[in-house]
PDB file of N, CA and C in Angstrom:
ATOM      1  N   UNK A   1       1.695   2.881   7.276  1.00  0.00           N
ATOM      2  CA  UNK A   1       2.653   3.369   8.230  1.00  0.00           C
ATOM      3  C   UNK A   1       4.069   2.876   7.901  1.00  0.00           C
ATOM      4  N   UNK A   2       4.259   1.532   7.746  1.00  0.00           N
ATOM      5  CA  UNK A   2       5.583   1.003   7.421  1.00  0.00           C
ATOM      6  C   UNK A   2       6.033   1.452   6.034  1.00  0.00           C
ATOM      7  N   UNK A   3       5.108   1.481   5.095  1.00  0.00           N
ATOM      8  CA  UNK A   3       5.448   1.918   3.742  1.00  0.00           C
ATOM      9  C   UNK A   3       5.921   3.370   3.758  1.00  0.00           C
ATOM     10  N   UNK A   4       5.279   4.217   4.556  1.00  0.00           N
ATOM     11  CA  UNK A   4       5.701   5.613   4.672  1.00  0.00           C
ATOM     12  C   UNK A   4       7.091   5.726   5.284  1.00  0.00           C
ATOM     13  N   UNK A   5       7.417   4.853   6.238  1.00  0.00           N
ATOM     14  CA  UNK A   5       8.756   4.860   6.832  1.00  0.00           C
ATOM     15  C   UNK A   5       9.807   4.598   5.757  1.00  0.00           C
ATOM     16  N   UNK A   6       9.533   3.638   4.883  1.00  0.00           N
ATOM     17  CA  UNK A   6      10.477   3.313   3.810  1.00  0.00           C
ATOM     18  C   UNK A   6      10.574   4.483   2.829  1.00  0.00           C
ATOM     19  N   UNK A   7       9.423   5.001   2.413  1.00  0.00           N
ATOM     20  CA  UNK A   7       9.415   6.106   1.446  1.00  0.00           C
ATOM     21  C   UNK A   7      10.109   7.359   1.985  1.00  0.00           C
ATOM     22  N   UNK A   8      10.065   7.569   3.303  1.00  0.00           N
ATOM     23  CA  UNK A   8      10.662   8.759   3.918  1.00  0.00           C
ATOM     24  C   UNK A   8      12.050   8.493   4.490  1.00  0.00           C
ATOM     25  N   UNK A   9      12.671   7.392   4.125  1.00  0.00           N
ATOM     26  CA  UNK A   9      13.978   7.034   4.674  1.00  0.00           C
ATOM     27  C   UNK A   9      15.124   7.871   4.096  1.00  0.00           C
ATOM     28  N   UNK A  10      14.863   8.620   3.046  1.00  0.00           N
ATOM     29  CA  UNK A  10      15.864   9.517   2.447  1.00  0.00           C
ATOM     30  C   UNK A  10      17.174   8.827   2.093  1.00  0.00           C
ATOM     31  N   UNK A  11      17.095   7.619   1.586  1.00  0.00           N
ATOM     32  CA  UNK A  11      18.292   6.901   1.151  1.00  0.00           C
ATOM     33  C   UNK A  11      19.012   6.153   2.249  1.00  0.00           C
ATOM     34  N   UNK A  12      18.553   6.271   3.507  1.00  0.00           N
ATOM     35  CA  UNK A  12      19.184   5.527   4.599  1.00  0.00           C
ATOM     36  C   UNK A  12      18.841   4.050   4.443  1.00  0.00           C
ATOM     37  N   UNK A  13      19.759   3.166   4.824  1.00  0.00           N
ATOM     38  CA  UNK A  13      19.463   1.738   4.739  1.00  0.00           C
ATOM     39  C   UNK A  13      18.412   1.346   5.775  1.00  0.00           C
ATOM     40  N   UNK A  14      17.708   0.264   5.500  1.00  0.00           N
ATOM     41  CA  UNK A  14      16.683  -0.217   6.417  1.00  0.00           C
ATOM     42  C   UNK A  14      16.609  -1.730   6.373  1.00  0.00           C
ATOM     43  N   UNK A  15      16.081  -2.292   7.437  1.00  0.00           N
ATOM     44  CA  UNK A  15      15.752  -3.712   7.482  1.00  0.00           C
ATOM     45  C   UNK A  15      14.243  -3.816   7.465  1.00  0.00           C
ATOM     46  N   UNK A  16      13.756  -4.791   6.732  1.00  0.00           N
ATOM     47  CA  UNK A  16      12.319  -4.933   6.564  1.00  0.00           C
ATOM     48  C   UNK A  16      11.968  -6.418   6.574  1.00  0.00           C
ATOM     49  N   UNK A  17      10.898  -6.752   7.258  1.00  0.00           N
ATOM     50  CA  UNK A  17      10.364  -8.106   7.253  1.00  0.00           C
ATOM     51  C   UNK A  17       8.972  -8.037   6.653  1.00  0.00           C
ATOM     52  N   UNK A  18       8.729  -8.836   5.626  1.00  0.00           N
ATOM     53  CA  UNK A  18       7.430  -8.786   4.954  1.00  0.00           C
ATOM     54  C   UNK A  18       7.094 -10.131   4.326  1.00  0.00           C
ATOM     55  N   UNK A  19       5.834 -10.285   3.984  1.00  0.00           N
ATOM     56  CA  UNK A  19       5.368 -11.463   3.259  1.00  0.00           C
ATOM     57  C   UNK A  19       5.220 -11.086   1.796  1.00  0.00           C
ATOM     58  N   UNK A  20       5.788 -11.919   0.932  1.00  0.00           N
ATOM     59  CA  UNK A  20       5.670 -11.693  -0.501  1.00  0.00           C
ATOM     60  C   UNK A  20       4.258 -12.025  -0.946  1.00  0.00           C
ATOM     61  N   UNK A  21       3.916 -11.658  -2.168  1.00  0.00           N
ATOM     62  CA  UNK A  21       2.560 -11.910  -2.681  1.00  0.00           C
ATOM     63  C   UNK A  21       2.229 -13.403  -2.719  1.00  0.00           C
ATOM     64  N   UNK A  22       3.255 -14.276  -2.832  1.00  0.00           N
ATOM     65  CA  UNK A  22       3.008 -15.720  -2.839  1.00  0.00           C
ATOM     66  C   UNK A  22       2.869 -16.300  -1.427  1.00  0.00           C
ATOM     67  N   UNK A  23       2.999 -15.437  -0.393  1.00  0.00           N
ATOM     68  CA  UNK A  23       2.823 -15.861   0.993  1.00  0.00           C
ATOM     69  C   UNK A  23       4.107 -16.214   1.717  1.00  0.00           C
ATOM     70  N   UNK A  24       5.229 -16.288   1.005  1.00  0.00           N
ATOM     71  CA  UNK A  24       6.487 -16.621   1.671  1.00  0.00           C
ATOM     72  C   UNK A  24       7.047 -15.396   2.399  1.00  0.00           C
ATOM     73  N   UNK A  25       7.712 -15.663   3.520  1.00  0.00           N
ATOM     74  CA  UNK A  25       8.269 -14.603   4.356  1.00  0.00           C
ATOM     75  C   UNK A  25       9.639 -14.198   3.821  1.00  0.00           C
ATOM     76  N   UNK A  26       9.950 -12.913   3.884  1.00  0.00           N
ATOM     77  CA  UNK A  26      11.220 -12.401   3.339  1.00  0.00           C
ATOM     78  C   UNK A  26      11.768 -11.321   4.235  1.00  0.00           C
ATOM     79  N   UNK A  27      13.062 -11.360   4.493  1.00  0.00           N
ATOM     80  CA  UNK A  27      13.750 -10.286   5.205  1.00  0.00           C
ATOM     81  C   UNK A  27      14.644  -9.588   4.192  1.00  0.00           C
ATOM     82  N   UNK A  28      14.654  -8.275   4.224  1.00  0.00           N
ATOM     83  CA  UNK A  28      15.410  -7.516   3.235  1.00  0.00           C
ATOM     84  C   UNK A  28      16.203  -6.422   3.932  1.00  0.00           C
ATOM     85  N   UNK A  29      17.457  -6.271   3.528  1.00  0.00           N
ATOM     86  CA  UNK A  29      18.317  -5.174   3.962  1.00  0.00           C
ATOM     87  C   UNK A  29      18.530  -4.339   2.714  1.00  0.00           C
ATOM     88  N   UNK A  30      17.960  -3.132   2.677  1.00  0.00           N
ATOM     89  CA  UNK A  30      18.021  -2.356   1.448  1.00  0.00           C
ATOM     90  C   UNK A  30      17.906  -0.867   1.671  1.00  0.00           C
ATOM     91  N   UNK A  31      17.729  -0.156   0.574  1.00  0.00           N
ATOM     92  CA  UNK A  31      17.558   1.292   0.602  1.00  0.00           C
ATOM     93  C   UNK A  31      16.810   1.706  -0.665  1.00  0.00           C
ATOM     94  N   UNK A  32      16.303   2.918  -0.641  1.00  0.00           N
ATOM     95  CA  UNK A  32      15.705   3.477  -1.849  1.00  0.00           C
ATOM     96  C   UNK A  32      16.842   4.019  -2.700  1.00  0.00           C
ATOM     97  N   UNK A  33      16.850   3.681  -3.951  1.00  0.00           N
ATOM     98  CA  UNK A  33      17.901   4.157  -4.850  1.00  0.00           C
ATOM     99  C   UNK A  33      17.303   4.258  -6.243  1.00  0.00           C
ATOM    100  N   UNK A  34      17.379   5.433  -6.847  1.00  0.00           N
ATOM    101  CA  UNK A  34      16.819   5.565  -8.197  1.00  0.00           C
ATOM    102  C   UNK A  34      17.625   4.767  -9.212  1.00  0.00           C
ATOM    103  N   UNK A  35      16.939   4.232 -10.187  1.00  0.00           N
ATOM    104  CA  UNK A  35      17.608   3.523 -11.273  1.00  0.00           C
ATOM    105  C   UNK A  35      18.333   4.532 -12.149  1.00  0.00           C
ATOM    106  N   UNK A  36      19.543   4.180 -12.581  1.00  0.00           N
ATOM    107  CA  UNK A  36      20.368   5.134 -13.311  1.00  0.00           C
ATOM    108  C   UNK A  36      20.561   4.775 -14.777  1.00  0.00           C
ATOM    109  N   UNK A  37      19.950   3.696 -15.251  1.00  0.00           N
ATOM    110  CA  UNK A  37      20.209   3.283 -16.626  1.00  0.00           C
ATOM    111  C   UNK A  37      19.244   3.898 -17.633  1.00  0.00           C
ATOM    112  N   UNK A  38      18.342   4.738 -17.160  1.00  0.00           N
ATOM    113  CA  UNK A  38      17.423   5.412 -18.071  1.00  0.00           C
ATOM    114  C   UNK A  38      16.177   4.611 -18.392  1.00  0.00           C
ATOM    115  N   UNK A  39      16.189   3.321 -18.093  1.00  0.00           N
ATOM    116  CA  UNK A  39      15.017   2.490 -18.346  1.00  0.00           C
ATOM    117  C   UNK A  39      14.081   2.609 -17.156  1.00  0.00           C
ATOM    118  N   UNK A  40      12.815   2.620 -17.429  1.00  0.00           N
ATOM    119  CA  UNK A  40      11.831   2.675 -16.358  1.00  0.00           C
ATOM    120  C   UNK A  40      10.995   1.415 -16.352  1.00  0.00           C
ATOM    121  N   UNK A  41      10.183   1.291 -15.341  1.00  0.00           N
ATOM    122  CA  UNK A  41       9.267   0.155 -15.286  1.00  0.00           C
ATOM    123  C   UNK A  41       8.128   0.375 -16.266  1.00  0.00           C
ATOM    124  N   UNK A  42       7.548  -0.682 -16.720  1.00  0.00           N
ATOM    125  CA  UNK A  42       6.432  -0.584 -17.657  1.00  0.00           C
ATOM    126  C   UNK A  42       5.104  -0.426 -16.935  1.00  0.00           C
ATOM    127  N   UNK A  43       5.164  -0.392 -15.610  1.00  0.00           N
ATOM    128  CA  UNK A  43       3.951  -0.237 -14.809  1.00  0.00           C
ATOM    129  C   UNK A  43       4.288   0.599 -13.578  1.00  0.00           C
ATOM    130  N   UNK A  44       3.272   1.080 -12.899  1.00  0.00           N
ATOM    131  CA  UNK A  44       3.458   1.840 -11.679  1.00  0.00           C
ATOM    132  C   UNK A  44       3.347   0.874 -10.498  1.00  0.00           C
ATOM    133  N   UNK A  45       4.446   0.636  -9.752  1.00  0.00           N
ATOM    134  CA  UNK A  45       4.411  -0.308  -8.639  1.00  0.00           C
ATOM    135  C   UNK A  45       3.354   0.042  -7.591  1.00  0.00           C
ATOM    136  N   UNK A  46       3.087   1.334  -7.386  1.00  0.00           N
ATOM    137  CA  UNK A  46       2.085   1.741  -6.402  1.00  0.00           C
ATOM    138  C   UNK A  46       0.703   1.196  -6.748  1.00  0.00           C
ATOM    139  N   UNK A  47       0.414   1.070  -8.031  1.00  0.00           N
ATOM    140  CA  UNK A  47      -0.885   0.522  -8.459  1.00  0.00           C
ATOM    141  C   UNK A  47      -1.020  -0.964  -8.144  1.00  0.00           C
ATOM    142  N   UNK A  48       0.100  -1.619  -7.842  1.00  0.00           N
ATOM    143  CA  UNK A  48       0.107  -3.048  -7.552  1.00  0.00           C
ATOM    144  C   UNK A  48       0.483  -3.336  -6.099  1.00  0.00           C
ATOM    145  N   UNK A  49       0.513  -2.291  -5.258  1.00  0.00           N
ATOM    146  CA  UNK A  49       0.827  -2.471  -3.849  1.00  0.00           C
ATOM    147  C   UNK A  49       2.277  -2.821  -3.589  1.00  0.00           C
ATOM    148  N   UNK A  50       3.199  -2.276  -4.390  1.00  0.00           N
ATOM    149  CA  UNK A  50       4.627  -2.584  -4.283  1.00  0.00           C
ATOM    150  C   UNK A  50       5.471  -1.323  -4.116  1.00  0.00           C
ATOM    151  N   UNK A  51       6.617  -1.481  -3.458  1.00  0.00           N
ATOM    152  CA  UNK A  51       7.611  -0.408  -3.357  1.00  0.00           C
ATOM    153  C   UNK A  51       8.910  -0.939  -3.947  1.00  0.00           C
ATOM    154  N   UNK A  52       9.457  -0.299  -4.985  1.00  0.00           N
ATOM    155  CA  UNK A  52      10.746  -0.740  -5.520  1.00  0.00           C
ATOM    156  C   UNK A  52      11.883  -0.256  -4.615  1.00  0.00           C
ATOM    157  N   UNK A  53      12.787  -1.172  -4.247  1.00  0.00           N
ATOM    158  CA  UNK A  53      13.928  -0.846  -3.394  1.00  0.00           C
ATOM    159  C   UNK A  53      15.170  -1.539  -3.946  1.00  0.00           C
ATOM    160  N   UNK A  54      16.326  -1.116  -3.448  1.00  0.00           N
ATOM    161  CA  UNK A  54      17.583  -1.756  -3.826  1.00  0.00           C
ATOM    162  C   UNK A  54      18.010  -2.661  -2.685  1.00  0.00           C
ATOM    163  N   UNK A  55      18.152  -3.958  -2.950  1.00  0.00           N
ATOM    164  CA  UNK A  55      18.571  -4.939  -1.955  1.00  0.00           C
ATOM    165  C   UNK A  55      20.093  -4.872  -1.838  1.00  0.00           C
ATOM    166  N   UNK A  56      20.595  -4.436  -0.682  1.00  0.00           N
ATOM    167  CA  UNK A  56      22.030  -4.263  -0.492  1.00  0.00           C
ATOM    168  C   UNK A  56      22.766  -5.589  -0.339  1.00  0.00           C
ATOM    169  N   UNK A  57      22.090  -6.644   0.074  1.00  0.00           N
ATOM    170  CA  UNK A  57      22.725  -7.963   0.174  1.00  0.00           C
ATOM    171  C   UNK A  57      22.874  -8.619  -1.194  1.00  0.00           C
ATOM    172  N   UNK A  58      21.853  -8.483  -2.038  1.00  0.00           N
ATOM    173  CA  UNK A  58      21.869  -9.116  -3.362  1.00  0.00           C
ATOM    174  C   UNK A  58      22.364  -8.181  -4.458  1.00  0.00           C
ATOM    175  N   UNK A  59      22.561  -6.892  -4.113  1.00  0.00           N
ATOM    176  CA  UNK A  59      23.062  -5.895  -5.056  1.00  0.00           C
ATOM    177  C   UNK A  59      22.181  -5.813  -6.309  1.00  0.00           C
ATOM    178  N   UNK A  60      20.870  -5.790  -6.078  1.00  0.00           N
ATOM    179  CA  UNK A  60      19.916  -5.739  -7.185  1.00  0.00           C
ATOM    180  C   UNK A  60      18.603  -5.149  -6.677  1.00  0.00           C
ATOM    181  N   UNK A  61      17.738  -4.805  -7.591  1.00  0.00           N
ATOM    182  CA  UNK A  61      16.444  -4.224  -7.233  1.00  0.00           C
ATOM    183  C   UNK A  61      15.426  -5.303  -6.898  1.00  0.00           C
ATOM    184  N   UNK A  62      14.576  -5.015  -5.919  1.00  0.00           N
ATOM    185  CA  UNK A  62      13.504  -5.912  -5.499  1.00  0.00           C
ATOM    186  C   UNK A  62      12.253  -5.086  -5.241  1.00  0.00           C
ATOM    187  N   UNK A  63      11.118  -5.767  -5.095  1.00  0.00           N
ATOM    188  CA  UNK A  63       9.851  -5.118  -4.767  1.00  0.00           C
ATOM    189  C   UNK A  63       9.380  -5.601  -3.399  1.00  0.00           C
ATOM    190  N   UNK A  64       8.887  -4.666  -2.602  1.00  0.00           N
ATOM    191  CA  UNK A  64       8.325  -5.005  -1.299  1.00  0.00           C
ATOM    192  C   UNK A  64       6.813  -4.900  -1.401  1.00  0.00           C
ATOM    193  N   UNK A  65       6.126  -5.948  -0.953  1.00  0.00           N
ATOM    194  CA  UNK A  65       4.673  -5.986  -0.922  1.00  0.00           C
ATOM    195  C   UNK A  65       4.202  -5.113   0.255  1.00  0.00           C
ATOM    196  N   UNK A  66       3.569  -3.991  -0.030  1.00  0.00           N
ATOM    197  CA  UNK A  66       3.147  -3.042   0.998  1.00  0.00           C
ATOM    198  C   UNK A  66       2.223  -3.694   2.017  1.00  0.00           C
ATOM    199  N   UNK A  67       1.268  -4.493   1.570  1.00  0.00           N
ATOM    200  CA  UNK A  67       0.293  -5.099   2.475  1.00  0.00           C
ATOM    201  C   UNK A  67       0.906  -6.168   3.370  1.00  0.00           C
ATOM    202  N   UNK A  68       2.077  -6.683   3.011  1.00  0.00           N
ATOM    203  CA  UNK A  68       2.695  -7.760   3.786  1.00  0.00           C
ATOM    204  C   UNK A  68       3.763  -7.307   4.761  1.00  0.00           C
ATOM    205  N   UNK A  69       4.024  -6.002   4.867  1.00  0.00           N
ATOM    206  CA  UNK A  69       5.100  -5.515   5.733  1.00  0.00           C
ATOM    207  C   UNK A  69       4.723  -5.727   7.199  1.00  0.00           C
ATOM    208  N   UNK A  70       5.632  -6.366   7.937  1.00  0.00           N
ATOM    209  CA  UNK A  70       5.426  -6.592   9.371  1.00  0.00           C
ATOM    210  C   UNK A  70       6.348  -5.760  10.235  1.00  0.00           C
ATOM    211  N   UNK A  71       7.512  -5.387   9.723  1.00  0.00           N
ATOM    212  CA  UNK A  71       8.498  -4.693  10.537  1.00  0.00           C
ATOM    213  C   UNK A  71       9.417  -3.879   9.635  1.00  0.00           C
ATOM    214  N   UNK A  72       9.743  -2.664  10.054  1.00  0.00           N
ATOM    215  CA  UNK A  72      10.730  -1.830   9.358  1.00  0.00           C
ATOM    216  C   UNK A  72      11.592  -1.138  10.412  1.00  0.00           C
ATOM    217  N   UNK A  73      12.894  -1.177  10.195  1.00  0.00           N
ATOM    218  CA  UNK A  73      13.833  -0.472  11.056  1.00  0.00           C
ATOM    219  C   UNK A  73      14.746   0.366  10.159  1.00  0.00           C
ATOM    220  N   UNK A  74      14.712   1.680  10.321  1.00  0.00           N
ATOM    221  CA  UNK A  74      15.588   2.560   9.566  1.00  0.00           C
ATOM    222  C   UNK A  74      16.927   2.626  10.300  1.00  0.00           C
ATOM    223  N   UNK A  75      18.002   2.377   9.591  1.00  0.00           N
ATOM    224  CA  UNK A  75      19.340   2.353  10.190  1.00  0.00           C
ATOM    225  C   UNK A  75      20.040   3.686   9.944  1.00  0.00           C
ATOM    226  N   UNK A  76      20.918   4.067  10.853  1.00  0.00           N
ATOM    227  CA  UNK A  76      21.598   5.355  10.744  1.00  0.00           C
ATOM    228  C   UNK A  76      22.805   5.319   9.820  1.00  0.00           C
ATOM    229  N   UNK A  77      23.425   4.165   9.663  1.00  0.00           N
ATOM    230  CA  UNK A  77      24.641   4.087   8.853  1.00  0.00           C
ATOM    231  C   UNK A  77      24.337   3.593   7.457  1.00  0.00           C
ATOM    232  N   UNK A  78      25.169   4.024   6.502  1.00  0.00           N
ATOM    233  CA  UNK A  78      25.059   3.522   5.126  1.00  0.00           C
ATOM    234  C   UNK A  78      26.041   2.430   4.892  1.00  0.00           C
TER     235      UNK A  78
END
């Protein structure tokens, strides 16, 4: 359910609270943004229970652990 909210956010920013695979808690302010450098991942994140997102606070790409998501809020402003 939360993973679908992120996938269907259509580029809108969102706040997400989740547990990383190592068990630590993480809050992320980000959006879905395709990579533009032509390089791709060497693996499919979906096969590992991850969603690649762009962290707007850190200005870099991060992965969200799908099984650890506790809260998602889609924001109206970019």
